[in-house]
Protein backbone atom coordinates (compact mmCIF):
# COMPACT_ATOMS: atom_id res chain seq x y z
CA MET A 1 148.38 103.74 -3.82
CA THR A 2 145.27 105.72 -4.79
CA SER A 3 144.13 105.93 -8.41
CA PHE A 4 145.22 109.56 -8.68
CA GLU A 5 148.63 109.19 -6.99
CA LYS A 6 151.44 109.12 -9.49
CA PRO A 7 154.13 106.46 -9.12
CA ALA A 8 156.87 109.08 -8.76
CA ARG A 9 155.05 110.73 -5.86
CA PHE A 10 154.43 107.37 -4.21
CA CYS A 11 158.11 106.45 -4.52
CA ALA A 12 159.11 109.77 -3.01
CA ARG A 13 156.80 109.17 -0.03
CA ALA A 14 158.15 105.66 0.41
CA ALA A 15 161.76 106.84 0.29
CA ALA A 16 161.06 109.60 2.83
CA LEU A 17 159.41 107.19 5.23
CA LEU A 18 162.21 104.66 4.90
CA THR A 19 164.77 107.39 5.55
CA ALA A 20 162.89 108.50 8.66
CA ALA A 21 162.62 104.93 9.90
CA PHE A 22 166.34 104.32 9.55
CA ALA A 23 167.11 107.66 11.20
CA LEU A 24 164.95 106.67 14.17
CA ALA A 25 166.65 103.31 14.35
CA SER A 26 170.06 104.99 14.40
CA ALA A 27 168.91 107.43 17.09
CA ALA A 28 167.97 104.50 19.32
CA GLN A 29 171.51 103.13 19.21
CA ALA A 30 174.23 104.01 21.67
CA SER A 31 176.64 106.85 21.09
CA PRO A 32 180.08 105.20 21.17
CA ILE A 33 182.72 106.10 23.75
CA ALA A 34 185.75 107.25 21.73
CA ASP A 35 189.28 106.22 22.69
CA PRO A 36 192.52 107.69 21.27
CA ALA A 37 194.55 105.59 18.86
CA GLN A 38 197.87 104.09 20.00
CA ASP A 39 197.25 104.83 23.69
CA PHE A 40 198.55 101.52 25.02
CA ILE A 41 199.14 101.60 28.76
CA ALA A 42 202.74 102.02 29.90
CA SER A 43 203.00 98.62 31.60
CA PHE A 44 201.98 96.68 28.47
CA THR A 45 204.85 94.53 27.17
CA GLY A 46 203.14 92.90 24.16
CA ALA A 47 203.07 93.90 20.51
CA HIS A 48 201.37 97.23 19.79
CA ASN A 49 199.10 95.69 17.17
CA GLY A 50 196.03 97.42 15.76
CA ASP A 51 193.56 94.76 16.91
CA LEU A 52 194.56 95.46 20.53
CA ASP A 53 194.15 99.24 20.10
CA ILE A 54 190.59 100.30 21.00
CA LEU A 55 189.08 103.18 19.03
CA SER A 56 185.58 103.09 20.53
CA THR A 57 183.23 101.07 22.71
CA PHE A 58 179.51 101.08 23.46
CA ALA A 59 176.80 99.42 25.57
CA THR A 60 173.01 99.43 25.34
CA PHE A 61 170.28 97.90 27.47
CA ASP A 62 166.79 97.28 26.10
CA GLY A 63 165.23 96.01 29.33
CA THR A 64 165.98 92.37 28.52
CA SER A 65 169.51 92.17 27.13
CA PHE A 66 172.76 94.10 27.11
CA ARG A 67 174.49 94.66 23.79
CA PHE A 68 178.05 95.86 23.91
CA GLY A 69 181.22 95.81 21.90
CA GLY A 70 183.86 97.95 20.27
CA THR A 71 185.90 98.93 17.26
CA MET A 72 189.63 98.30 17.06
CA ASN A 73 192.41 99.89 15.01
CA GLY A 74 192.92 96.66 13.04
CA ALA A 75 191.22 93.39 12.13
CA ILE A 76 190.20 91.46 15.22
CA GLY A 77 192.17 88.26 15.68
CA SER A 78 195.40 89.50 14.09
CA THR A 79 197.15 89.06 17.42
CA ASN A 80 197.15 85.43 18.50
CA PRO A 81 196.19 84.81 21.23
CA SER A 82 194.18 87.97 21.96
CA LEU A 83 191.34 88.57 24.40
CA TYR A 84 188.65 91.27 24.51
CA VAL A 85 187.18 91.87 27.96
CA MET A 86 184.12 93.86 28.96
CA GLY A 87 184.25 94.55 32.68
CA ILE A 88 180.86 95.04 34.30
CA ASN A 89 180.17 96.63 37.68
CA ARG A 90 176.89 95.28 39.12
CA GLY A 91 177.40 97.21 42.34
CA ALA A 92 180.30 95.41 44.02
CA GLY A 93 183.05 96.50 41.65
CA THR A 94 186.63 96.73 42.85
CA ALA A 95 189.75 98.34 41.35
CA ALA A 96 191.56 95.16 40.35
CA PHE A 97 194.03 97.15 38.23
CA ALA A 98 195.03 99.74 40.83
CA ALA A 99 198.60 98.43 40.67
CA VAL A 100 198.93 99.90 37.15
CA GLY A 101 197.20 103.15 38.09
CA LEU A 102 193.68 102.28 36.89
CA THR A 103 191.88 103.01 40.14
CA GLN A 104 188.54 103.86 38.51
CA VAL A 105 188.14 100.72 36.40
CA LEU A 106 185.69 99.00 38.75
CA PHE A 107 184.15 95.62 37.96
CA ASP A 108 182.80 92.47 39.58
CA THR A 109 181.95 90.56 36.39
CA VAL A 110 183.66 90.06 33.04
CA VAL A 111 182.43 88.93 29.64
CA THR A 112 185.32 87.84 27.45
CA MET A 113 185.74 87.12 23.75
CA THR A 114 188.72 85.55 22.02
CA GLY A 115 189.98 86.79 18.67
CA ALA A 116 188.09 83.85 17.15
CA GLY A 117 184.75 84.98 18.65
CA VAL A 118 184.46 82.53 21.57
CA ALA A 119 182.58 84.28 24.38
CA ALA A 120 182.42 83.41 28.07
CA GLY A 121 181.50 85.04 31.38
CA ARG A 122 182.82 85.05 34.93
CA ASN A 123 181.69 86.49 38.25
CA THR A 124 185.02 87.82 39.52
CA THR A 125 183.70 88.25 43.06
CA THR A 126 183.08 84.52 43.46
CA ASN A 127 185.42 83.40 40.63
CA THR A 128 182.51 81.49 39.13
CA ALA A 129 182.01 81.02 35.39
CA PHE A 130 178.61 81.48 33.74
CA SER A 131 177.39 80.46 30.31
CA LEU A 132 176.32 82.68 27.43
CA PRO A 133 173.88 81.67 24.68
CA ALA A 134 175.43 80.15 21.56
CA GLY A 135 176.24 82.77 18.95
CA SER A 136 176.40 85.62 21.49
CA ALA A 137 179.46 87.18 19.86
CA LEU A 138 179.75 88.58 16.35
CA ILE A 139 182.98 89.81 14.72
CA SER A 140 182.98 91.95 11.59
CA GLY A 141 186.45 93.05 10.52
CA ASN A 142 187.76 95.39 13.20
CA SER A 143 184.47 95.55 15.16
CA PHE A 144 182.63 93.16 17.44
CA GLU A 145 179.49 93.00 19.52
CA ILE A 146 178.21 90.62 22.17
CA VAL A 147 174.56 90.25 23.19
CA VAL A 148 174.12 89.12 26.79
CA PRO A 149 170.64 88.49 28.24
CA LEU A 150 170.25 90.06 31.67
CA ALA A 151 169.16 86.64 32.92
CA SER A 152 172.56 85.20 31.93
CA LEU A 153 174.47 87.60 34.19
CA PRO A 154 174.92 87.05 37.92
CA ALA A 155 172.29 88.77 40.04
CA SER A 156 172.67 92.45 40.81
CA ALA A 157 175.09 93.34 43.59
CA GLY A 158 173.24 96.55 44.42
CA PHE A 159 172.82 98.41 41.13
CA THR A 160 169.84 98.41 38.82
CA PRO A 161 170.72 97.24 35.29
CA ALA A 162 170.59 100.85 34.10
CA GLN A 163 173.26 101.70 36.70
CA TYR A 164 175.70 98.98 35.69
CA GLY A 165 179.14 100.32 34.78
CA PHE A 166 181.21 99.12 31.79
CA ASN A 167 184.82 99.25 30.62
CA LEU A 168 186.41 97.50 27.65
CA TRP A 169 190.01 96.33 27.63
CA THR A 170 192.23 94.15 25.48
CA ARG A 171 194.87 91.58 26.40
CA ASP A 172 197.79 90.02 24.57
CA GLN A 173 197.60 86.52 26.03
CA SER A 174 201.19 85.77 25.10
CA GLN A 175 202.13 88.02 28.04
CA THR A 176 201.43 87.34 31.72
CA GLY A 177 199.71 89.23 34.51
CA THR A 178 199.16 92.96 34.16
CA ALA A 179 201.85 93.09 31.43
CA ALA A 180 199.24 91.53 29.11
CA LEU A 181 196.84 94.49 29.54
CA ALA A 182 197.01 96.54 26.36
CA ASP A 183 194.36 99.26 26.11
CA PHE A 184 191.28 100.45 28.03
CA ALA A 185 188.20 102.40 27.00
CA PRO A 186 187.48 104.65 28.79
CA ASN A 187 191.08 104.96 29.95
CA ASN A 188 190.35 105.08 33.70
CA ALA A 189 186.60 105.12 34.20
CA THR A 190 183.38 103.22 33.59
CA PHE A 191 180.33 104.24 31.58
CA SER A 192 176.64 103.36 31.70
CA ALA A 193 174.66 101.59 29.01
CA THR A 194 172.38 103.64 26.81
CA VAL A 195 168.72 102.85 27.49
CA PRO A 196 166.46 103.83 24.55
CA GLU A 197 163.44 105.85 25.66
CA PRO A 198 160.07 104.13 25.16
CA ALA A 199 158.90 107.00 22.96
CA SER A 200 161.90 106.61 20.67
CA LEU A 201 161.33 102.89 20.39
CA GLY A 202 157.64 103.47 19.59
CA LEU A 203 158.46 105.99 16.87
CA MET A 204 161.08 103.69 15.42
CA PHE A 205 158.62 100.78 15.31
CA THR A 206 155.92 102.96 13.75
CA GLY A 207 158.32 104.19 11.08
CA LEU A 208 159.54 100.73 10.23
CA LEU A 209 155.99 99.37 10.13
CA GLY A 210 154.85 102.16 7.85
CA ALA A 211 157.83 101.66 5.57
CA GLY A 212 157.03 97.97 5.33
CA MET A 213 153.39 98.69 4.43
CA LEU A 214 154.42 101.11 1.69
CA ARG A 215 156.83 98.59 0.26
CA ARG A 216 154.14 95.89 0.20
CA ARG A 217 151.73 98.27 -1.55
CA SER A 218 154.48 99.10 -4.01
CA ARG A 219 154.89 95.44 -4.91
CA ARG A 220 151.14 94.86 -5.26
CA GLY A 221 150.79 97.88 -7.54
CA SER A 222 153.89 97.02 -9.57
CA VAL A 223 155.37 100.41 -8.87
CA GLY A 224 159.09 100.59 -9.63
CA CYS A 225 161.01 102.83 -7.24
């Protein structure tokens, strides 16, 4: 802070820069795919509990890792045993749920999470399991996210990572077969991960760096904001 800059003006500048930084950070995140409440599929025979009812899902790819997850209509884990499945199409996806009318839910890989936050992966083409890093899954109330390094997934089956397709569904594991399938988002489609543009990431980093510098100067100058 310069000798002629008043503390109030400095605080205002700091607050503005922090606001801009957080706005840029939010802009770099994925826009969620909304899903209607209480739209359980007709063949589902389990309990219509909120934690099996998907309200939204998302996926992002930063060039190194995928981050995906969703928000439910109730606290995750209320149904026991429950399973949250992110189907991934690497290029060899098939319609494994065509028997229940979901001909456009194409996948060749799944990443699963139990209601207790235990995550695992499987290549459904070869029926081969693969490991995920410890702590990959995070549950917070009725939302969850899983971070999966690209290197942890099976190799591409023809798509680039930016072309991978995603669909989230829930299962009531007390039921068997397709009767355990509760809700899908999107209902009968896949979606691509959001890939933040390099310019957006650069602006976000610059804003956060500038905000950090202003906060350090504030502490050195004993300015109370």
